[in-house]
Amino acid sequence: MSVRVELEQVKERGVALVVLDRPAKHNAIDLEMAGQLSAAWREFRYDDSVRAVVVTGAGTKAFCTGIDRSVDVPQPPSPYSVDDPLIAIGPKANDLWKPVVAAVEGMACGGAFYLLGECEFVVASRDATFFDPHTTYGMVSAYESIYLAQRMPYGEVARLALMGTAERMSAARAHQTGLVSELTPPGQAVTAALRAASVVASHPTGAVQGTVRAVWAAAQAARAQAFGLAPHLIALGNLAPAEQGELFGGRGGGYRVR
């Protein structure tokens, strides 16, 4: 299993821990993991003992680095259709309105924002970093940027997306801009996220879920309109997969952290 669900905290706190468990691949998402994430969120809808969830990545090097580049995702021939295996990996996409808190250690980049964008708030280690490599490799940052635009000012979203792999946002800057709600010492993000989730889980769950739904609804119209454009922007702006592969294969290791 590439997604590990730990329920030890449920009896005492009402909190489940979901772990992306591919540390050797920096918790990159393959099709199996995408399916397991979707299934986990949907199962939590029926489990009254789970009143809140924390999601994190195994190890300390990465929360998640998005889609696994080795995954083959066949695309329909129509330029108006794009099959995206990450579109249903988040809790809201699976009709879960129990609160979800993300705990980030290490890197969070690219498709990781599909998950972070559907969490109620993010707790991060002080050595965590955030970046979006799409433009560097000839891909449109569509869904990722849309999710981030719900969390951060326009200029910060644009800079993170447009700078690609040349620059990473530090946890401190992510905290300043609103992407991260709490900073912790290295290795303590999960502990802090569980602590916060436990407080939320102690409140009456109907009121909590209604509040989650209300906050999500506040930006739902704009998000839905943007999502409607995203597949077309991707189809028009992405380089062909072979050209993307060439850019990815020639990637350099230099970047600055701000």
Protein backbone atom coordinates (compact mmCIF):
# COMPACT_ATOMS: atom_id res chain seq x y z
CA MET A 1 0.00 0.00 0.00
CA SER A 2 1.40 3.42 -0.96
CA VAL A 3 -1.08 5.20 1.34
CA ARG A 4 -0.96 4.25 5.02
CA VAL A 5 -3.92 5.05 7.28
CA GLU A 6 -3.13 5.09 11.00
CA LEU A 7 -6.07 4.97 13.39
CA GLU A 8 -4.25 4.86 16.73
CA GLN A 9 -5.37 8.42 17.49
CA VAL A 10 -9.03 7.75 16.68
CA LYS A 11 -10.15 6.13 19.93
CA GLU A 12 -8.52 8.81 22.07
CA ARG A 13 -8.80 11.89 19.85
CA GLY A 14 -11.06 11.10 16.89
CA VAL A 15 -8.20 11.86 14.48
CA ALA A 16 -6.94 9.62 11.66
CA LEU A 17 -3.45 10.01 10.18
CA VAL A 18 -3.03 9.51 6.41
CA VAL A 19 0.56 8.98 5.28
CA LEU A 20 1.77 9.15 1.68
CA ASP A 21 4.17 6.23 1.90
CA ARG A 22 6.61 6.26 -1.03
CA PRO A 23 9.63 7.93 0.64
CA ALA A 24 12.09 6.50 -1.89
CA LYS A 25 10.16 8.43 -4.58
CA HIS A 26 9.73 11.56 -2.43
CA ASN A 27 6.08 10.46 -2.01
CA ALA A 28 5.36 11.15 -5.67
CA ILE A 29 1.86 10.07 -6.66
CA ASP A 30 1.37 7.15 -9.02
CA LEU A 31 -2.01 5.80 -10.14
CA GLU A 32 -2.17 3.34 -7.26
CA MET A 33 -1.60 6.08 -4.68
CA ALA A 34 -4.15 8.35 -6.37
CA GLY A 35 -6.78 5.62 -6.12
CA GLN A 36 -5.93 4.83 -2.52
CA LEU A 37 -6.18 8.47 -1.48
CA SER A 38 -9.58 8.82 -3.09
CA ALA A 39 -10.77 5.62 -1.40
CA ALA A 40 -9.50 6.73 2.02
CA TRP A 41 -11.36 10.05 1.91
CA ARG A 42 -14.57 8.35 0.84
CA GLU A 43 -14.32 5.74 3.59
CA PHE A 44 -13.90 8.44 6.25
CA ARG A 45 -17.34 9.78 5.30
CA TYR A 46 -18.91 6.65 6.83
CA ASP A 47 -16.73 6.36 9.93
CA ASP A 48 -18.24 8.39 12.77
CA SER A 49 -15.21 7.70 14.96
CA VAL A 50 -13.06 9.79 12.62
CA ARG A 51 -13.88 13.46 13.19
CA ALA A 52 -10.70 15.03 11.74
CA VAL A 53 -7.75 13.90 9.63
CA VAL A 54 -4.05 14.77 9.37
CA VAL A 55 -2.28 14.07 6.05
CA THR A 56 1.50 13.93 5.74
CA GLY A 57 4.32 12.31 3.79
CA ALA A 58 6.61 9.53 4.98
CA GLY A 59 10.13 10.59 5.90
CA THR A 60 11.52 14.09 6.20
CA LYS A 61 12.71 14.83 2.66
CA ALA A 62 9.32 15.48 1.08
CA PHE A 63 5.63 15.82 1.82
CA CYS A 64 4.92 15.08 -1.84
CA THR A 65 6.50 15.98 -5.19
CA GLY A 66 3.36 15.64 -7.31
CA ILE A 67 2.80 13.15 -10.08
CA ASP A 68 5.36 10.39 -10.55
CA ARG A 69 7.07 11.19 -13.85
CA SER A 70 7.20 7.49 -14.72
CA VAL A 71 3.41 7.21 -14.77
CA ASP A 72 1.86 6.81 -18.21
CA VAL A 73 -1.45 8.66 -18.40
CA PRO A 74 -3.04 8.17 -21.85
CA GLN A 75 -4.80 11.30 -23.08
CA PRO A 76 -7.90 11.55 -25.28
CA PRO A 77 -7.26 13.00 -28.75
CA SER A 78 -9.64 15.94 -28.24
CA PRO A 79 -7.94 19.22 -27.22
CA TYR A 80 -11.01 19.89 -25.05
CA SER A 81 -10.39 16.89 -22.79
CA VAL A 82 -7.54 16.22 -20.37
CA ASP A 83 -7.36 13.19 -18.09
CA ASP A 84 -5.74 14.26 -14.82
CA PRO A 85 -5.16 11.47 -12.27
CA LEU A 86 -4.66 14.03 -9.49
CA ILE A 87 -8.01 15.78 -9.83
CA ALA A 88 -9.69 13.42 -7.33
CA ILE A 89 -6.93 12.93 -4.73
CA GLY A 90 -8.23 15.58 -2.31
CA PRO A 91 -10.88 15.28 0.39
CA LYS A 92 -13.29 17.84 -1.09
CA ALA A 93 -13.19 16.15 -4.49
CA ASN A 94 -14.45 13.05 -2.66
CA ASP A 95 -17.23 14.83 -0.75
CA LEU A 96 -15.48 14.67 2.63
CA TRP A 97 -16.30 17.67 4.82
CA LYS A 98 -14.52 16.52 7.94
CA PRO A 99 -11.56 18.86 8.56
CA VAL A 100 -8.17 17.85 7.15
CA VAL A 101 -4.88 19.34 8.36
CA ALA A 102 -1.67 18.93 6.33
CA ALA A 103 1.70 18.37 8.02
CA VAL A 104 4.61 19.25 5.71
CA GLU A 105 8.23 18.22 6.18
CA GLY A 106 10.72 18.80 3.37
CA MET A 107 9.60 19.54 -0.18
CA ALA A 108 6.03 20.15 -1.32
CA CYS A 109 5.78 20.87 -5.00
CA GLY A 110 3.69 20.58 -8.16
CA GLY A 111 0.79 18.20 -7.72
CA ALA A 112 1.18 18.35 -3.93
CA PHE A 113 -0.90 21.51 -4.14
CA TYR A 114 -3.95 19.48 -5.19
CA LEU A 115 -3.82 18.04 -1.67
CA LEU A 116 -2.72 21.15 0.22
CA GLY A 117 -5.38 23.17 -1.59
CA GLU A 118 -8.15 20.97 -0.19
CA CYS A 119 -6.89 20.93 3.41
CA GLU A 120 -8.32 23.34 5.97
CA PHE A 121 -4.86 24.55 6.98
CA VAL A 122 -1.20 23.62 6.73
CA VAL A 123 1.38 23.07 9.46
CA ALA A 124 4.99 22.98 8.26
CA SER A 125 8.46 22.37 9.57
CA ARG A 126 10.76 25.38 9.41
CA ASP A 127 12.91 23.58 6.84
CA ALA A 128 10.00 22.83 4.50
CA THR A 129 10.06 24.37 1.02
CA PHE A 130 7.39 24.93 -1.64
CA PHE A 131 7.78 25.26 -5.41
CA ASP A 132 6.05 24.49 -8.69
CA PRO A 133 8.23 23.05 -11.49
CA HIS A 134 5.60 23.10 -14.26
CA THR A 135 6.78 26.05 -16.35
CA THR A 136 10.40 24.89 -16.26
CA TYR A 137 9.37 21.67 -18.01
CA GLY A 138 6.99 23.22 -20.52
CA MET A 139 3.76 22.58 -18.64
CA VAL A 140 0.96 24.94 -17.65
CA SER A 141 0.51 25.34 -13.90
CA ALA A 142 -3.27 25.40 -13.92
CA TYR A 143 -4.92 23.51 -11.05
CA GLU A 144 -1.93 24.07 -8.79
CA SER A 145 -2.04 27.84 -9.26
CA ILE A 146 -5.82 27.93 -8.89
CA TYR A 147 -5.60 26.17 -5.53
CA LEU A 148 -2.77 28.45 -4.39
CA ALA A 149 -4.73 31.54 -5.44
CA GLN A 150 -7.25 30.66 -2.74
CA ARG A 151 -4.47 30.78 -0.13
CA MET A 152 -1.96 33.47 -1.09
CA PRO A 153 -1.82 36.92 -2.71
CA TYR A 154 -1.72 37.01 -6.52
CA GLY A 155 1.90 38.13 -6.76
CA GLU A 156 3.11 35.32 -4.53
CA VAL A 157 1.20 32.69 -6.52
CA ALA A 158 2.46 34.09 -9.82
CA ARG A 159 6.06 34.20 -8.63
CA LEU A 160 6.00 30.66 -7.26
CA ALA A 161 4.49 29.30 -10.49
CA LEU A 162 6.53 31.32 -12.96
CA MET A 163 9.93 30.86 -11.34
CA GLY A 164 9.61 27.09 -11.69
CA THR A 165 12.56 25.13 -10.33
CA ALA A 166 14.83 28.18 -10.07
CA GLU A 167 13.36 29.27 -6.76
CA ARG A 168 11.75 27.70 -3.71
CA MET A 169 9.52 29.42 -1.17
CA SER A 170 10.78 28.91 2.37
CA ALA A 171 8.44 27.82 5.13
CA ALA A 172 8.92 31.22 6.74
CA ARG A 173 7.77 33.01 3.58
CA ALA A 174 4.90 30.55 3.17
CA HIS A 175 3.84 31.43 6.71
CA GLN A 176 4.04 35.15 5.97
CA THR A 177 1.88 34.81 2.86
CA GLY A 178 -0.82 32.64 4.45
CA LEU A 179 -0.09 29.27 2.86
CA VAL A 180 1.17 27.90 6.19
CA SER A 181 -0.64 28.55 9.47
CA GLU A 182 1.99 27.27 11.92
CA LEU A 183 5.74 26.65 11.83
CA THR A 184 7.40 23.93 13.89
CA PRO A 185 10.94 22.72 14.58
CA PRO A 186 12.12 20.10 12.08
CA GLY A 187 10.40 16.77 12.60
CA GLN A 188 7.54 18.22 14.66
CA ALA A 189 4.95 19.07 11.97
CA VAL A 190 2.87 15.92 12.47
CA THR A 191 2.82 16.36 16.25
CA ALA A 192 1.60 19.95 15.91
CA ALA A 193 -0.97 19.01 13.25
CA LEU A 194 -2.33 16.17 15.41
CA ARG A 195 -2.58 18.55 18.35
CA ALA A 196 -4.61 21.07 16.32
CA ALA A 197 -6.76 18.37 14.71
CA SER A 198 -7.52 16.91 18.14
CA VAL A 199 -8.91 20.24 19.31
CA VAL A 200 -11.11 20.51 16.23
CA ALA A 201 -12.24 16.89 16.61
CA SER A 202 -13.36 17.61 20.18
CA HIS A 203 -16.04 20.02 18.94
CA PRO A 204 -19.50 18.84 17.79
CA THR A 205 -18.85 17.34 14.36
CA GLY A 206 -21.99 18.69 12.69
CA ALA A 207 -20.99 22.26 13.47
CA VAL A 208 -17.40 21.60 12.39
CA GLN A 209 -18.35 20.04 9.06
CA GLY A 210 -20.84 22.82 8.35
CA THR A 211 -18.14 25.39 8.99
CA VAL A 212 -15.72 23.57 6.68
CA ARG A 213 -18.41 23.56 3.99
CA ALA A 214 -19.13 27.27 4.49
CA VAL A 215 -15.48 28.30 4.25
CA TRP A 216 -15.04 26.19 1.11
CA ALA A 217 -18.19 27.69 -0.43
CA ALA A 218 -16.82 31.22 0.02
CA ALA A 219 -14.51 30.78 -2.98
CA GLN A 220 -16.29 27.93 -4.76
CA ALA A 221 -17.79 29.94 -7.62
CA ALA A 222 -14.47 31.48 -8.68
CA ARG A 223 -12.68 28.16 -8.29
CA ALA A 224 -15.28 26.28 -10.36
CA GLN A 225 -15.04 28.85 -13.15
CA ALA A 226 -11.24 28.63 -13.15
CA PHE A 227 -11.34 24.83 -13.13
CA GLY A 228 -13.57 24.98 -16.20
CA LEU A 229 -10.80 26.78 -18.10
CA ALA A 230 -7.92 24.68 -16.77
CA PRO A 231 -8.13 21.69 -19.18
CA HIS A 232 -8.14 23.98 -22.21
CA LEU A 233 -5.22 26.05 -20.94
CA ILE A 234 -3.25 22.85 -20.33
CA ALA A 235 -4.07 21.47 -23.78
CA LEU A 236 -3.07 24.72 -25.47
CA GLY A 237 0.03 25.55 -23.44
CA ASN A 238 1.74 22.26 -22.66
CA LEU A 239 4.66 21.09 -24.74
CA ALA A 240 4.40 17.60 -26.20
CA PRO A 241 5.35 14.89 -23.69
CA ALA A 242 8.59 14.11 -25.52
CA GLU A 243 9.67 17.76 -25.33
CA GLN A 244 8.76 17.87 -21.64
CA GLY A 245 10.88 14.77 -21.12
CA GLU A 246 13.88 16.40 -22.76
CA LEU A 247 13.62 19.41 -20.47
CA PHE A 248 13.16 17.18 -17.43
CA GLY A 249 16.14 15.04 -18.39
CA GLY A 250 18.36 18.11 -18.72
CA ARG A 251 17.30 19.71 -15.46
CA GLY A 252 19.93 21.35 -13.31
CA GLY A 253 20.19 21.36 -9.56
CA GLY A 254 20.55 25.08 -8.91
CA TYR A 255 17.90 27.05 -7.05
CA ARG A 256 17.58 29.75 -4.43
CA VAL A 257 15.33 29.72 -1.37
CA ARG A 258 13.52 32.90 -0.44
